[in-house]
Amino acid sequence: MSSYLPVWHLVLKSLQDNIPVMLLYVLESKGSSPGRQGFCMGVTAKGEMEGSIGGGIMEHKFVEMAKEKMKIGNPKTETRKQIHDKTAATDQSGMICSGEQTIFLYPVKPTDKKIIEALLLSLEQDKNGTLMLTPAGIQFDASIPAIDHDYQFQSATDWHYKEKTGYKNKLFIIGGGHCALAFSKLMREMDFYITLFEERQGLNTLEKNVFAHEIMIVDDFTALSNLIPAGPHQYVVIMTMGYRTDDIALRALLDKAFTYIGVLGSKKKMEKLFDDYRKEGMADLVLQRVRTPVGLAIGSQTPEEIAISIAAEIIRVKNQQQ
């Protein structure tokens, strides 16, 4: 989400300064296309740009096309399919990565200014909403769609695209130590709204953590059962100060279904914890949902390396859901 803000800021500033600006938006993406659905960029008549529709020769071609259309004047709204295969009979992008994508070229109108302002305000307040694109232009409202993206195509003049704006994924970090600080910093750059929970007040690592969107101090980690809802797009990483607090936090959440839940800890510690759970009669099916040792096995040692290993595993899980 944060990567979209510069695009919309550029679009709004251009409208305010009466500089022609064009929005390039990926409406649909198939196969190994480098421009995924929802990728977007703004290009001005002065050559300023923000965002990306996939990079490479294809993006360069579209940027130059947009600038040329604005230079000539009165550019038209259009969609263009791009096939990333040099053997394709038509619509070749110039790339060979396979797949295809459909790109919307929209010359933003002065009358869109209030729409862009409403969208930006929603994004800056970390809210969700619905962005709608059609051949007629752009719309935005505060309703929250059921799915992240919806593209329905009947013809070049009869199609619509809807997208859930704002953060699409929520990350809950339990524990506020050095690993949580490094992990928050890394995940802030991705499409995750980060909430961090800690029992201890006044930690220097909490004071340094300007990356989590919310930091909540709880009296006891048993409170997590009421504070973290189950559901898709929910990711949980437990990295508290020790075995006892890991146990309390995990017990509070084990009956909930998340897209991802993991616990940071040594293999030996987690084996003991899970053995205790099994002796209590806890089902293996429940325990199998917990990823531990958390993260990809890359021999991580420092907090920064641990953060990378967990982030990589979460990204893999997230992208497998799409």
Protein backbone atom coordinates (compact mmCIF):
# COMPACT_ATOMS: atom_id res chain seq x y z
CA MET A 1 0.00 0.00 0.00
CA SER A 2 2.74 2.48 0.92
CA SER A 3 4.15 2.19 -2.59
CA TYR A 4 0.89 3.57 -4.00
CA LEU A 5 0.99 6.81 -2.02
CA PRO A 6 3.71 8.49 -4.14
CA VAL A 7 1.71 7.67 -7.29
CA TRP A 8 -1.44 9.37 -6.05
CA HIS A 9 0.49 12.26 -4.54
CA LEU A 10 2.09 12.89 -7.94
CA VAL A 11 -1.30 12.69 -9.66
CA LEU A 12 -2.86 15.16 -7.20
CA LYS A 13 0.06 17.60 -7.33
CA SER A 14 -0.04 17.56 -11.13
CA LEU A 15 -3.75 18.38 -11.09
CA GLN A 16 -3.14 21.20 -8.62
CA ASP A 17 -0.35 22.61 -10.82
CA ASN A 18 -2.34 22.15 -14.06
CA ILE A 19 0.23 19.71 -15.43
CA PRO A 20 -1.16 16.92 -17.63
CA VAL A 21 -0.79 13.53 -15.94
CA MET A 22 -1.63 10.01 -17.04
CA LEU A 23 -2.41 7.03 -14.84
CA LEU A 24 -1.15 3.63 -16.02
CA TYR A 25 -2.88 0.72 -14.26
CA VAL A 26 -2.53 -3.06 -14.56
CA LEU A 27 -6.11 -4.34 -14.72
CA GLU A 28 -5.27 -7.99 -15.25
CA SER A 29 -2.17 -10.16 -15.06
CA LYS A 30 -1.66 -13.75 -16.16
CA GLY A 31 1.24 -16.16 -15.94
CA SER A 32 4.73 -14.82 -15.23
CA SER A 33 3.90 -11.26 -16.14
CA PRO A 34 6.18 -8.86 -14.21
CA GLY A 35 3.36 -6.36 -13.75
CA ARG A 36 0.90 -7.86 -11.29
CA GLN A 37 -2.75 -6.88 -11.02
CA GLY A 38 -3.03 -3.56 -9.21
CA PHE A 39 0.43 -2.27 -10.15
CA CYS A 40 0.19 1.35 -11.20
CA MET A 41 2.19 4.43 -12.03
CA GLY A 42 1.69 8.11 -12.72
CA VAL A 43 3.47 9.87 -15.60
CA THR A 44 3.36 13.63 -16.14
CA ALA A 45 3.85 15.68 -19.30
CA LYS A 46 7.08 16.99 -17.72
CA GLY A 47 8.46 13.44 -17.48
CA GLU A 48 7.99 12.98 -13.73
CA MET A 49 6.87 9.50 -12.71
CA GLU A 50 6.11 7.35 -9.70
CA GLY A 51 5.24 3.67 -9.35
CA SER A 52 5.66 0.79 -11.78
CA ILE A 53 3.64 -1.42 -14.11
CA GLY A 54 6.32 -4.11 -14.26
CA GLY A 55 9.51 -2.47 -15.45
CA GLY A 56 11.68 -3.38 -18.40
CA ILE A 57 11.25 -2.42 -22.04
CA MET A 58 7.47 -2.65 -21.77
CA GLU A 59 7.25 -0.03 -19.03
CA HIS A 60 9.66 2.24 -20.91
CA LYS A 61 7.48 1.92 -24.00
CA PHE A 62 4.33 2.85 -22.10
CA VAL A 63 5.97 5.79 -20.35
CA GLU A 64 7.13 7.20 -23.67
CA MET A 65 3.70 6.53 -25.17
CA ALA A 66 2.01 8.40 -22.34
CA LYS A 67 4.35 11.38 -22.64
CA GLU A 68 3.86 11.53 -26.41
CA LYS A 69 0.07 11.40 -26.08
CA MET A 70 0.13 14.26 -23.58
CA LYS A 71 2.51 16.24 -25.78
CA ILE A 72 0.16 15.95 -28.76
CA GLY A 73 -2.76 16.92 -26.53
CA ASN A 74 -6.24 15.60 -25.74
CA PRO A 75 -5.12 11.98 -25.08
CA LYS A 76 -7.83 9.31 -25.06
CA THR A 77 -8.60 6.67 -22.47
CA GLU A 78 -7.65 3.19 -23.66
CA THR A 79 -6.68 -0.32 -22.59
CA ARG A 80 -3.86 -2.33 -24.14
CA LYS A 81 -3.03 -6.00 -23.76
CA GLN A 82 0.67 -6.89 -23.57
CA ILE A 83 1.91 -10.42 -24.28
CA HIS A 84 5.40 -11.22 -23.01
CA ASP A 85 6.30 -13.54 -25.86
CA LYS A 86 8.12 -12.50 -29.03
CA THR A 87 6.33 -15.22 -31.01
CA ALA A 88 2.90 -13.68 -30.30
CA ALA A 89 1.10 -12.55 -33.44
CA THR A 90 -0.01 -9.27 -31.85
CA ASP A 91 0.39 -7.15 -28.71
CA GLN A 92 4.02 -8.08 -28.11
CA SER A 93 5.48 -6.28 -25.10
CA GLY A 94 9.10 -6.78 -26.13
CA MET A 95 9.72 -9.00 -23.09
CA ILE A 96 10.14 -12.77 -23.08
CA CYS A 97 9.14 -13.68 -19.51
CA SER A 98 5.82 -15.21 -20.70
CA GLY A 99 2.39 -14.30 -19.39
CA GLU A 100 0.38 -11.24 -20.28
CA GLN A 101 -1.14 -8.15 -18.73
CA THR A 102 -3.79 -5.59 -19.59
CA ILE A 103 -2.91 -1.95 -18.98
CA PHE A 104 -5.31 0.95 -18.62
CA LEU A 105 -4.07 4.33 -19.84
CA TYR A 106 -6.11 7.08 -18.29
CA PRO A 107 -5.47 10.82 -18.74
CA VAL A 108 -6.53 12.16 -15.35
CA LYS A 109 -9.11 14.94 -15.56
CA PRO A 110 -9.28 18.12 -13.45
CA THR A 111 -12.73 16.94 -12.32
CA ASP A 112 -11.04 13.89 -10.72
CA LYS A 113 -9.32 16.07 -8.12
CA LYS A 114 -11.86 15.47 -5.33
CA ILE A 115 -11.83 11.74 -6.03
CA ILE A 116 -8.03 11.62 -5.73
CA GLU A 117 -8.14 13.66 -2.54
CA ALA A 118 -10.66 11.25 -0.97
CA LEU A 119 -8.55 8.25 -2.00
CA LEU A 120 -5.37 9.79 -0.60
CA LEU A 121 -7.04 10.68 2.68
CA SER A 122 -8.24 7.10 3.05
CA LEU A 123 -4.76 5.70 2.32
CA GLU A 124 -3.04 8.13 4.69
CA GLN A 125 -5.45 7.16 7.47
CA ASP A 126 -4.73 3.45 6.85
CA LYS A 127 -8.35 2.81 5.90
CA ASN A 128 -9.78 0.49 3.28
CA GLY A 129 -12.03 1.51 0.40
CA THR A 130 -12.95 0.69 -3.16
CA LEU A 131 -11.20 2.06 -6.25
CA MET A 132 -13.25 1.66 -9.43
CA LEU A 133 -11.92 2.03 -12.96
CA THR A 134 -14.08 1.92 -16.10
CA PRO A 135 -13.79 3.29 -19.65
CA ALA A 136 -15.51 6.40 -18.25
CA GLY A 137 -12.76 7.03 -15.71
CA ILE A 138 -12.09 6.68 -12.00
CA GLN A 139 -14.26 6.52 -8.88
CA PHE A 140 -13.62 5.90 -5.20
CA ASP A 141 -15.80 5.24 -2.18
CA ALA A 142 -15.33 4.12 1.42
CA SER A 143 -17.10 0.77 1.06
CA ILE A 144 -14.89 -2.30 1.50
CA PRO A 145 -15.19 -4.94 -1.25
CA ALA A 146 -15.29 -8.65 -0.48
CA ILE A 147 -12.26 -9.43 -2.66
CA ASP A 148 -9.00 -7.60 -3.34
CA HIS A 149 -9.38 -7.32 -7.13
CA ASP A 150 -12.26 -7.81 -9.56
CA TYR A 151 -11.88 -7.31 -13.31
CA GLN A 152 -14.88 -8.00 -15.54
CA PHE A 153 -14.43 -7.57 -19.29
CA GLN A 154 -17.16 -7.69 -21.90
CA SER A 155 -15.73 -5.39 -24.56
CA ALA A 156 -13.34 -2.46 -24.99
CA THR A 157 -16.16 -0.11 -24.02
CA ASP A 158 -17.82 -2.31 -21.41
CA TRP A 159 -15.60 -3.41 -18.54
CA HIS A 160 -14.96 -2.55 -14.92
CA TYR A 161 -12.17 -3.00 -12.43
CA LYS A 162 -12.58 -2.84 -8.65
CA GLU A 163 -9.81 -2.96 -6.08
CA LYS A 164 -9.71 -2.97 -2.31
CA THR A 165 -7.51 -0.02 -1.42
CA GLY A 166 -5.36 0.26 1.68
CA TYR A 167 -3.62 -2.56 3.49
CA LYS A 168 -4.84 -5.97 2.39
CA ASN A 169 -2.93 -7.99 4.98
CA LYS A 170 -2.55 -7.65 8.75
CA LEU A 171 0.55 -8.72 10.65
CA PHE A 172 0.43 -9.23 14.42
CA ILE A 173 3.80 -9.38 16.15
CA ILE A 174 3.77 -10.70 19.72
CA GLY A 175 6.80 -9.42 21.58
CA GLY A 176 8.73 -6.18 21.27
CA GLY A 177 12.41 -7.11 21.48
CA HIS A 178 15.29 -6.75 19.03
CA CYS A 179 13.95 -9.33 16.57
CA ALA A 180 10.54 -7.61 16.57
CA LEU A 181 12.21 -4.27 15.85
CA ALA A 182 14.12 -5.65 12.87
CA PHE A 183 11.06 -7.55 11.65
CA SER A 184 8.77 -4.50 11.92
CA LYS A 185 11.25 -2.39 9.96
CA LEU A 186 11.41 -4.94 7.15
CA MET A 187 7.68 -5.62 6.92
CA ARG A 188 6.74 -1.92 6.99
CA GLU A 189 7.84 -1.71 3.36
CA MET A 190 5.34 -4.36 2.31
CA ASP A 191 1.55 -4.58 2.13
CA PHE A 192 1.03 -5.33 5.83
CA TYR A 193 -0.64 -3.31 8.56
CA ILE A 194 1.50 -4.09 11.61
CA THR A 195 0.21 -4.33 15.17
CA LEU A 196 2.73 -5.19 17.89
CA PHE A 197 1.80 -6.49 21.36
CA GLU A 198 4.05 -6.42 24.42
CA GLU A 199 3.64 -6.83 28.19
CA ARG A 200 6.68 -4.80 29.19
CA GLN A 201 6.50 -1.02 29.14
CA GLY A 202 9.49 1.24 28.58
CA LEU A 203 11.55 -1.18 26.46
CA ASN A 204 14.18 0.70 24.44
CA THR A 205 13.34 -1.47 21.44
CA LEU A 206 9.71 -0.36 21.71
CA GLU A 207 10.77 3.28 21.85
CA LYS A 208 12.87 2.76 18.72
CA ASN A 209 10.07 0.97 16.88
CA VAL A 210 8.60 3.63 14.61
CA PHE A 211 7.72 1.00 12.02
CA ALA A 212 4.73 -0.79 13.57
CA HIS A 213 1.48 1.03 12.85
CA GLU A 214 0.19 0.24 16.34
CA ILE A 215 1.92 -0.80 19.56
CA MET A 216 -0.33 -2.17 22.28
CA ILE A 217 0.74 -2.86 25.86
CA VAL A 218 -1.28 -5.68 27.43
CA ASP A 219 -1.39 -6.82 31.04
CA ASP A 220 -1.04 -10.42 29.97
CA PHE A 221 -0.78 -12.23 26.64
CA THR A 222 -3.96 -14.15 27.40
CA ALA A 223 -5.70 -10.96 26.24
CA LEU A 224 -4.66 -11.78 22.67
CA SER A 225 -7.61 -14.15 22.30
CA ASN A 226 -9.90 -11.11 22.27
CA LEU A 227 -7.57 -8.72 20.44
CA ILE A 228 -6.53 -10.74 17.38
CA PRO A 229 -9.36 -11.96 15.16
CA ALA A 230 -9.12 -15.08 13.03
CA GLY A 231 -9.49 -14.95 9.28
CA PRO A 232 -7.77 -14.75 5.91
CA HIS A 233 -5.05 -12.15 5.40
CA GLN A 234 -4.16 -12.44 9.11
CA TYR A 235 -0.52 -13.25 9.90
CA VAL A 236 0.81 -13.85 13.43
CA VAL A 237 4.41 -14.17 14.61
CA ILE A 238 5.13 -14.90 18.26
CA MET A 239 8.58 -13.76 19.42
CA THR A 240 8.28 -13.00 23.13
CA MET A 241 11.05 -12.89 25.75
CA GLY A 242 10.86 -16.56 26.73
CA TYR A 243 9.27 -19.98 26.92
CA ARG A 244 6.54 -19.06 29.42
CA THR A 245 5.27 -16.05 27.49
CA ASP A 246 5.48 -17.90 24.17
CA ASP A 247 3.30 -20.59 25.73
CA ILE A 248 0.73 -18.10 27.03
CA ALA A 249 0.53 -16.24 23.70
CA LEU A 250 0.23 -19.41 21.64
CA ARG A 251 -2.43 -20.93 23.87
CA ALA A 252 -4.48 -17.75 23.47
CA LEU A 253 -4.50 -18.14 19.69
CA LEU A 254 -4.40 -21.87 18.96
CA ASP A 255 -8.15 -22.18 18.43
CA LYS A 256 -8.13 -19.52 15.70
CA ALA A 257 -7.51 -20.01 11.99
CA PHE A 258 -4.97 -17.64 10.42
CA THR A 259 -3.29 -17.57 7.05
CA TYR A 260 -0.01 -17.84 8.96
CA ILE A 261 1.02 -18.35 12.57
CA GLY A 262 4.58 -19.01 13.65
CA VAL A 263 6.67 -19.04 16.81
CA LEU A 264 10.30 -17.97 17.05
CA GLY A 265 12.25 -20.45 19.15
CA SER A 266 14.81 -23.22 19.07
CA LYS A 267 13.80 -26.63 17.79
CA LYS A 268 14.40 -28.15 21.22
CA LYS A 269 12.24 -25.56 23.00
CA MET A 270 9.37 -25.95 20.58
CA GLU A 271 9.51 -29.76 20.72
CA LYS A 272 9.14 -29.58 24.51
CA LEU A 273 6.25 -27.12 24.21
CA PHE A 274 4.42 -29.28 21.68
CA ASP A 275 5.06 -32.46 23.73
CA ASP A 276 3.37 -30.76 26.68
CA TYR A 277 0.41 -29.83 24.49
CA ARG A 278 0.04 -33.39 23.22
CA LYS A 279 0.12 -34.73 26.79
CA GLU A 280 -2.78 -32.37 27.51
CA GLY A 281 -4.70 -33.95 24.64
CA MET A 282 -4.22 -31.23 22.07
CA ALA A 283 -4.75 -32.56 18.53
CA ASP A 284 -1.82 -32.77 16.10
CA LEU A 285 -4.04 -31.19 13.45
CA VAL A 286 -4.12 -27.99 15.53
CA LEU A 287 -0.38 -28.01 16.18
CA GLN A 288 0.42 -28.59 12.52
CA ARG A 289 -0.92 -25.12 11.71
CA VAL A 290 1.91 -23.56 13.72
CA ARG A 291 5.10 -22.91 11.80
CA THR A 292 8.13 -23.59 13.92
CA PRO A 293 11.03 -23.15 13.75
CA VAL A 294 9.61 -20.02 12.14
CA GLY A 295 11.07 -18.70 8.88
CA LEU A 296 13.04 -20.23 6.04
CA ALA A 297 16.09 -22.24 7.02
CA ILE A 298 18.91 -19.90 5.97
CA GLY A 299 21.05 -20.20 9.10
CA SER A 300 19.87 -16.87 10.51
CA GLN A 301 21.78 -15.51 13.49
CA THR A 302 21.28 -11.77 13.86
CA PRO A 303 17.87 -10.12 14.40
CA GLU A 304 18.07 -8.73 10.87
CA GLU A 305 18.77 -12.17 9.38
CA ILE A 306 15.96 -13.70 11.44
CA ALA A 307 13.61 -10.98 10.17
CA ILE A 308 14.53 -11.77 6.56
CA SER A 309 13.93 -15.50 7.02
CA ILE A 310 10.47 -14.94 8.55
CA ALA A 311 9.52 -12.30 5.99
CA ALA A 312 10.51 -14.62 3.15
CA GLU A 313 8.34 -17.43 4.50
CA ILE A 314 5.37 -15.09 4.98
CA ILE A 315 5.72 -13.70 1.46
CA ARG A 316 5.80 -17.23 0.06
CA VAL A 317 2.62 -18.14 1.96
CA LYS A 318 0.90 -14.88 0.95
CA ASN A 319 1.67 -15.32 -2.72
CA GLN A 320 0.56 -18.96 -2.70
CA GLN A 321 -2.88 -17.72 -1.61
CA GLN A 322 -3.28 -15.64 -4.77
